[in-house]
Amino acid sequence: MTATEVRTSLMAVGAFVAVVVLLDSTGVLSPHAEIVVDNSAQLVGGGAAAVLCAVTSRRTRGVERTWRLLMAAGMAGWTVGQAFWSWYQVFSDTPLPSPSMADVGYLTMPVFALPALLAFDVAPARTRSTPMHDRLIFLLDGAIVVGSLFALTWATALGAVVHAGSPNGLAFGVAIAYPLTDLVLVAIVVLLAVTRRVPRALRPQLWLLGSGLVAISASDSIFAYLVSSGAEDMPPLTNAGFIAGPLLI
């Protein structure tokens, strides 16, 4: 995959998301139809990501095959979660069902996404540093990135969830799981993007996968914040990450 293909994919996904958000936000459709369109877009995106990752993995080897197989499994679980979520919203009229069976599927994705990202960590040989020195620098960089992202997450979604102090232990655990897992995934994406541990040939794939995971993480964090604040629904624009993310992956 070339840089031109990456740009083309980003533009295509951006156009699709814009169309869905406009349909959801302009009042052209009835409120129920808006919910159907929004959930259908997310469901189709997740299913397409799972199928395409599985199919394209057959034509690749090594790292490219590994991360695609892992993300096929992760996105399959995410799509199952989205199917439950869509049922709650479209047929059961439950705006923000949490905790629910949907959470089981959604939280399957980061379990597979983490090793998928780590598969890209194929550090090229260094000529002016020892392996120990190289590893130490990487760990220090990691600590800085994780610390910075933790502070940002705490100031937004994570802090709000903790201070809300939900009396339901399960609901609290599910709500806090989203920003925590998002923090780990985004930190790894940032580390792999800013260091030279990913071969040049794999970087376009990392950019698309990383962008998709970051998009999902952004909407996840908004979801956790809304649940903790007692909101009754998610504005259509805040679901954009759930639409764009799977399509980028």
Foldseek 3Di string as FASTA:
>chain_A
DDPVVLVVLVVVLVVVLVVLLCVLPVPPDDPLVNLVSLLVLLLVLLQVLLVVLCVVLVVDDQLSNQLSPLQSVLSVLLNVLSVVVSCCVNPVVQAQDPPDPSLRSNVSNLVSNVVNLVSQQQADDDDPDDPVVVVVVLVVLLVVLLVVLVVVLCVAQQVLLVVLPDPDPRRSVSLNSLLVSLSVLLSSLVSPQPDRRGDPVCVSVSVLLNLLSNLLSQLSSVSSNCVSVVHRHDNSVSCSSSNSNSSSD
